[in-house]
N, C-alpha and C. Protein backbone atom coordinates (compact mmCIF):
# COMPACT_ATOMS: atom_id res chain seq x y z
N UNK A 1 10.72 16.40 22.24
CA UNK A 1 10.94 17.27 21.11
C UNK A 1 12.41 17.23 20.76
N UNK A 2 12.69 16.88 19.55
CA UNK A 2 14.05 16.86 19.04
C UNK A 2 14.04 17.31 17.58
N UNK A 3 15.20 17.55 17.01
CA UNK A 3 15.30 18.06 15.65
C UNK A 3 14.73 17.08 14.62
N UNK A 4 14.16 17.65 13.58
CA UNK A 4 13.65 16.88 12.44
C UNK A 4 14.75 16.83 11.39
N UNK A 5 14.88 15.70 10.71
CA UNK A 5 15.91 15.61 9.68
C UNK A 5 15.59 14.62 8.58
N UNK A 6 16.58 14.42 7.75
CA UNK A 6 16.44 13.49 6.64
C UNK A 6 16.33 12.06 7.14
N UNK A 7 15.65 11.23 6.37
CA UNK A 7 15.51 9.82 6.73
C UNK A 7 16.88 9.16 6.87
N UNK A 8 17.03 8.37 7.90
CA UNK A 8 18.26 7.62 8.16
C UNK A 8 19.48 8.54 8.18
N UNK A 9 19.31 9.69 8.76
CA UNK A 9 20.35 10.70 8.83
C UNK A 9 21.60 10.16 9.53
N UNK A 10 22.75 10.35 8.90
CA UNK A 10 24.00 9.94 9.53
C UNK A 10 24.36 10.86 10.69
N UNK A 11 23.72 12.04 10.74
CA UNK A 11 23.98 13.00 11.82
C UNK A 11 23.21 12.62 13.08
N UNK A 12 22.20 11.76 12.96
CA UNK A 12 21.51 11.26 14.14
C UNK A 12 20.12 11.78 14.39
N UNK A 13 19.44 12.30 13.38
CA UNK A 13 18.07 12.76 13.58
C UNK A 13 17.21 11.61 14.11
N UNK A 14 16.28 11.94 14.99
CA UNK A 14 15.38 10.97 15.64
C UNK A 14 16.12 10.05 16.60
N UNK A 15 17.29 10.47 17.06
CA UNK A 15 18.10 9.61 17.92
C UNK A 15 17.44 9.35 19.26
N UNK A 16 16.78 10.34 19.83
CA UNK A 16 16.19 10.16 21.15
C UNK A 16 15.00 9.21 21.08
N UNK A 17 14.10 9.46 20.13
CA UNK A 17 12.94 8.57 20.02
C UNK A 17 13.35 7.16 19.60
N UNK A 18 14.37 7.06 18.77
CA UNK A 18 14.84 5.74 18.34
C UNK A 18 15.36 4.92 19.51
N UNK A 19 16.16 5.54 20.36
CA UNK A 19 16.83 4.78 21.42
C UNK A 19 16.09 4.75 22.75
N UNK A 20 15.04 5.56 22.90
CA UNK A 20 14.27 5.51 24.15
C UNK A 20 12.88 4.92 23.97
N UNK A 21 12.37 4.98 22.76
CA UNK A 21 11.00 4.54 22.52
C UNK A 21 9.98 5.63 22.82
N UNK A 22 10.43 6.79 23.31
CA UNK A 22 9.52 7.91 23.55
C UNK A 22 9.13 8.53 22.21
N UNK A 23 7.88 8.92 22.07
CA UNK A 23 7.46 9.52 20.79
C UNK A 23 8.07 10.91 20.61
N UNK A 24 8.26 11.29 19.37
CA UNK A 24 8.71 12.64 19.04
C UNK A 24 7.68 13.26 18.10
N UNK A 25 7.69 14.55 17.97
CA UNK A 25 6.72 15.22 17.09
C UNK A 25 6.93 14.76 15.67
N UNK A 26 8.17 14.73 15.22
CA UNK A 26 8.50 14.23 13.89
C UNK A 26 9.99 13.94 13.87
N UNK A 27 10.36 12.75 13.49
CA UNK A 27 11.77 12.40 13.35
C UNK A 27 12.16 12.45 11.88
N UNK A 28 11.64 11.51 11.12
CA UNK A 28 11.91 11.41 9.69
C UNK A 28 10.58 11.45 8.95
N UNK A 29 10.35 12.48 8.18
CA UNK A 29 9.07 12.61 7.46
C UNK A 29 8.82 11.44 6.52
N UNK A 30 9.85 11.01 5.81
CA UNK A 30 9.69 9.89 4.87
C UNK A 30 9.25 8.61 5.54
N UNK A 31 9.71 8.39 6.74
CA UNK A 31 9.32 7.20 7.48
C UNK A 31 7.83 7.24 7.81
N UNK A 32 7.34 8.40 8.20
CA UNK A 32 5.91 8.54 8.49
C UNK A 32 5.08 8.36 7.23
N UNK A 33 5.54 8.93 6.13
CA UNK A 33 4.82 8.78 4.85
C UNK A 33 4.79 7.32 4.42
N UNK A 34 5.86 6.60 4.66
CA UNK A 34 5.94 5.18 4.33
C UNK A 34 4.83 4.39 5.03
N UNK A 35 4.48 4.81 6.23
CA UNK A 35 3.45 4.13 7.00
C UNK A 35 2.06 4.73 6.75
N UNK A 36 1.97 5.64 5.78
CA UNK A 36 0.68 6.20 5.42
C UNK A 36 0.21 7.34 6.30
N UNK A 37 1.11 7.94 7.06
CA UNK A 37 0.76 9.04 7.94
C UNK A 37 1.03 10.37 7.25
N UNK A 38 0.10 11.29 7.36
CA UNK A 38 0.27 12.65 6.83
C UNK A 38 1.03 13.46 7.86
N UNK A 39 2.20 13.97 7.50
CA UNK A 39 2.99 14.73 8.48
C UNK A 39 2.50 16.16 8.62
N UNK A 40 1.67 16.62 7.70
CA UNK A 40 1.07 17.96 7.81
C UNK A 40 2.11 19.03 8.06
N UNK A 41 1.90 19.81 9.11
CA UNK A 41 2.78 20.94 9.41
C UNK A 41 3.79 20.61 10.51
N UNK A 42 3.96 19.35 10.83
CA UNK A 42 4.82 18.96 11.95
C UNK A 42 6.24 19.51 11.84
N UNK A 43 6.85 19.45 10.68
CA UNK A 43 8.21 19.97 10.52
C UNK A 43 8.29 21.45 10.85
N UNK A 44 7.34 22.23 10.32
CA UNK A 44 7.30 23.66 10.63
C UNK A 44 6.96 23.90 12.09
N UNK A 45 6.10 23.06 12.65
CA UNK A 45 5.74 23.21 14.07
C UNK A 45 6.96 22.98 14.96
N UNK A 46 7.78 21.99 14.62
CA UNK A 46 8.99 21.73 15.40
C UNK A 46 9.91 22.94 15.33
N UNK A 47 10.09 23.49 14.14
CA UNK A 47 10.94 24.68 13.98
C UNK A 47 10.41 25.82 14.85
N UNK A 48 9.11 26.02 14.84
CA UNK A 48 8.52 27.10 15.65
C UNK A 48 8.76 26.87 17.14
N UNK A 49 8.60 25.62 17.59
CA UNK A 49 8.81 25.33 19.00
C UNK A 49 10.25 25.58 19.42
N UNK A 50 11.20 25.24 18.56
CA UNK A 50 12.60 25.45 18.89
C UNK A 50 13.03 26.90 18.80
N UNK A 51 12.47 27.66 17.90
CA UNK A 51 12.94 29.03 17.71
C UNK A 51 12.18 30.04 18.57
N UNK A 52 10.98 29.70 19.01
CA UNK A 52 10.19 30.62 19.86
C UNK A 52 9.36 29.82 20.85
N UNK A 53 10.02 29.07 21.75
CA UNK A 53 9.27 28.19 22.66
C UNK A 53 8.26 28.91 23.54
N UNK A 54 8.56 30.12 23.97
CA UNK A 54 7.63 30.84 24.85
C UNK A 54 6.34 31.19 24.13
N UNK A 55 6.37 31.22 22.80
CA UNK A 55 5.18 31.54 22.00
C UNK A 55 4.54 30.28 21.41
N UNK A 56 5.04 29.12 21.78
CA UNK A 56 4.58 27.88 21.17
C UNK A 56 3.81 26.98 22.12
N UNK A 57 3.22 27.57 23.16
CA UNK A 57 2.50 26.78 24.16
C UNK A 57 1.42 25.91 23.57
N UNK A 58 0.69 26.42 22.59
CA UNK A 58 -0.37 25.64 21.97
C UNK A 58 0.18 24.41 21.27
N UNK A 59 1.33 24.54 20.62
CA UNK A 59 1.94 23.40 19.93
C UNK A 59 2.51 22.39 20.93
N UNK A 60 3.14 22.88 21.98
CA UNK A 60 3.66 21.98 23.00
C UNK A 60 2.54 21.15 23.61
N UNK A 61 1.40 21.79 23.81
CA UNK A 61 0.24 21.08 24.36
C UNK A 61 -0.36 20.13 23.33
N UNK A 62 -0.51 20.59 22.09
CA UNK A 62 -1.11 19.75 21.04
C UNK A 62 -0.35 18.44 20.87
N UNK A 63 0.99 18.53 20.88
CA UNK A 63 1.81 17.34 20.68
C UNK A 63 2.20 16.65 21.98
N UNK A 64 1.69 17.16 23.09
CA UNK A 64 1.94 16.58 24.41
C UNK A 64 3.44 16.41 24.67
N UNK A 65 4.20 17.48 24.39
CA UNK A 65 5.64 17.45 24.57
C UNK A 65 5.96 17.44 26.06
N UNK A 66 6.70 16.43 26.48
CA UNK A 66 7.08 16.31 27.88
C UNK A 66 8.57 16.55 28.11
N UNK A 67 9.37 16.26 27.09
CA UNK A 67 10.81 16.46 27.19
C UNK A 67 11.30 17.22 25.95
N UNK A 68 12.26 18.08 26.15
CA UNK A 68 12.88 18.83 25.07
C UNK A 68 14.38 18.58 25.13
N UNK A 69 14.95 18.22 23.98
CA UNK A 69 16.37 17.96 23.87
C UNK A 69 17.00 19.05 23.02
N UNK A 70 18.06 19.66 23.53
CA UNK A 70 18.84 20.61 22.74
C UNK A 70 20.29 20.19 22.84
N UNK A 71 20.78 19.67 21.74
CA UNK A 71 22.18 19.26 21.64
C UNK A 71 22.77 19.87 20.38
N UNK A 72 23.92 19.38 19.96
CA UNK A 72 24.56 19.92 18.76
C UNK A 72 23.66 19.87 17.52
N UNK A 73 22.88 18.82 17.40
CA UNK A 73 21.99 18.68 16.24
C UNK A 73 20.94 19.79 16.22
N UNK A 74 20.30 20.04 17.35
CA UNK A 74 19.27 21.08 17.42
C UNK A 74 19.89 22.46 17.22
N UNK A 75 21.06 22.68 17.77
CA UNK A 75 21.72 23.98 17.58
C UNK A 75 22.07 24.20 16.11
N UNK A 76 22.49 23.15 15.43
CA UNK A 76 22.82 23.24 14.00
C UNK A 76 21.57 23.54 13.19
N UNK A 77 20.47 22.88 13.51
CA UNK A 77 19.23 23.04 12.74
C UNK A 77 18.49 24.34 13.05
N UNK A 78 18.47 24.74 14.33
CA UNK A 78 17.59 25.84 14.75
C UNK A 78 18.29 27.01 15.43
N UNK A 79 19.58 26.91 15.69
CA UNK A 79 20.31 27.98 16.36
C UNK A 79 20.10 27.94 17.86
N UNK A 80 20.62 28.96 18.53
CA UNK A 80 20.56 29.03 20.00
C UNK A 80 19.48 29.98 20.50
N UNK A 81 18.71 30.58 19.59
CA UNK A 81 17.79 31.64 19.96
C UNK A 81 16.78 31.32 21.04
N UNK A 82 16.22 30.13 21.06
CA UNK A 82 15.17 29.81 22.02
C UNK A 82 15.62 29.06 23.25
N UNK A 83 16.90 28.74 23.34
CA UNK A 83 17.37 27.85 24.39
C UNK A 83 17.07 28.36 25.80
N UNK A 84 17.32 29.62 26.08
CA UNK A 84 17.12 30.12 27.44
C UNK A 84 15.66 30.10 27.86
N UNK A 85 14.76 30.13 26.89
CA UNK A 85 13.33 30.12 27.22
C UNK A 85 12.88 28.79 27.80
N UNK A 86 13.59 27.72 27.48
CA UNK A 86 13.19 26.41 28.02
C UNK A 86 13.32 26.36 29.53
N UNK A 87 14.25 27.13 30.09
CA UNK A 87 14.38 27.16 31.55
C UNK A 87 13.13 27.72 32.21
N UNK A 88 12.40 28.57 31.50
CA UNK A 88 11.16 29.13 32.03
C UNK A 88 9.99 28.16 31.88
N UNK A 89 10.09 27.24 30.93
CA UNK A 89 8.99 26.33 30.63
C UNK A 89 9.13 24.96 31.28
N UNK A 90 10.31 24.66 31.78
CA UNK A 90 10.52 23.35 32.38
C UNK A 90 11.75 23.36 33.26
N UNK A 91 12.15 22.18 33.68
CA UNK A 91 13.34 22.08 34.52
C UNK A 91 14.36 21.17 33.83
N UNK A 92 15.60 21.52 34.00
CA UNK A 92 16.69 20.72 33.40
C UNK A 92 16.81 19.40 34.15
N UNK A 93 16.76 18.31 33.40
CA UNK A 93 16.95 17.00 34.01
C UNK A 93 18.27 16.38 33.57
N UNK A 94 18.92 17.00 32.57
CA UNK A 94 20.25 16.59 32.13
C UNK A 94 20.93 17.79 31.52
N UNK A 95 22.21 17.95 31.82
CA UNK A 95 23.01 19.03 31.24
C UNK A 95 24.45 18.57 31.22
N UNK A 96 24.90 18.09 30.07
CA UNK A 96 26.28 17.63 29.97
C UNK A 96 26.68 17.35 28.54
N UNK A 97 27.97 17.45 28.27
CA UNK A 97 28.52 17.15 26.96
C UNK A 97 27.83 17.89 25.83
N UNK A 98 27.40 19.13 26.09
CA UNK A 98 26.79 19.96 25.05
C UNK A 98 25.33 19.68 24.79
N UNK A 99 24.71 18.87 25.62
CA UNK A 99 23.29 18.54 25.46
C UNK A 99 22.53 18.87 26.74
N UNK A 100 21.37 19.47 26.57
CA UNK A 100 20.49 19.77 27.70
C UNK A 100 19.15 19.12 27.44
N UNK A 101 18.57 18.53 28.49
CA UNK A 101 17.23 17.96 28.40
C UNK A 101 16.37 18.61 29.47
N UNK A 102 15.23 19.13 29.05
CA UNK A 102 14.26 19.73 29.97
C UNK A 102 13.05 18.83 30.08
N UNK A 103 12.49 18.75 31.25
CA UNK A 103 11.21 18.09 31.45
C UNK A 103 10.17 19.22 31.61
N UNK A 104 9.13 19.17 30.79
CA UNK A 104 8.09 20.16 30.87
C UNK A 104 6.96 19.69 31.77
N UNK A 105 6.24 20.62 32.36
CA UNK A 105 5.09 20.39 33.26
C UNK A 105 5.52 19.95 34.60
């Protein structure tokens, strides 16, 4: 799970899925539309997961979210409101340079 943004964002949206090959819920909506995929409510779902993770268990399960990234990009897009809840839902596997990664399950 990482922040959703504009296609080919200079700020780095979809950076984790791009450089690891791991799927994300939604990186660039336009890219998905280009391939004929309906993005549906994915953008709103990502916002909900980041702003109220403790209440988003159904979405985390639906999208099979295994890792959550919160760095400067996510803080800019969604704020810091839900960050502490990730410690209850998973374990930190990286914490440095302003970025935290949690592994869920």
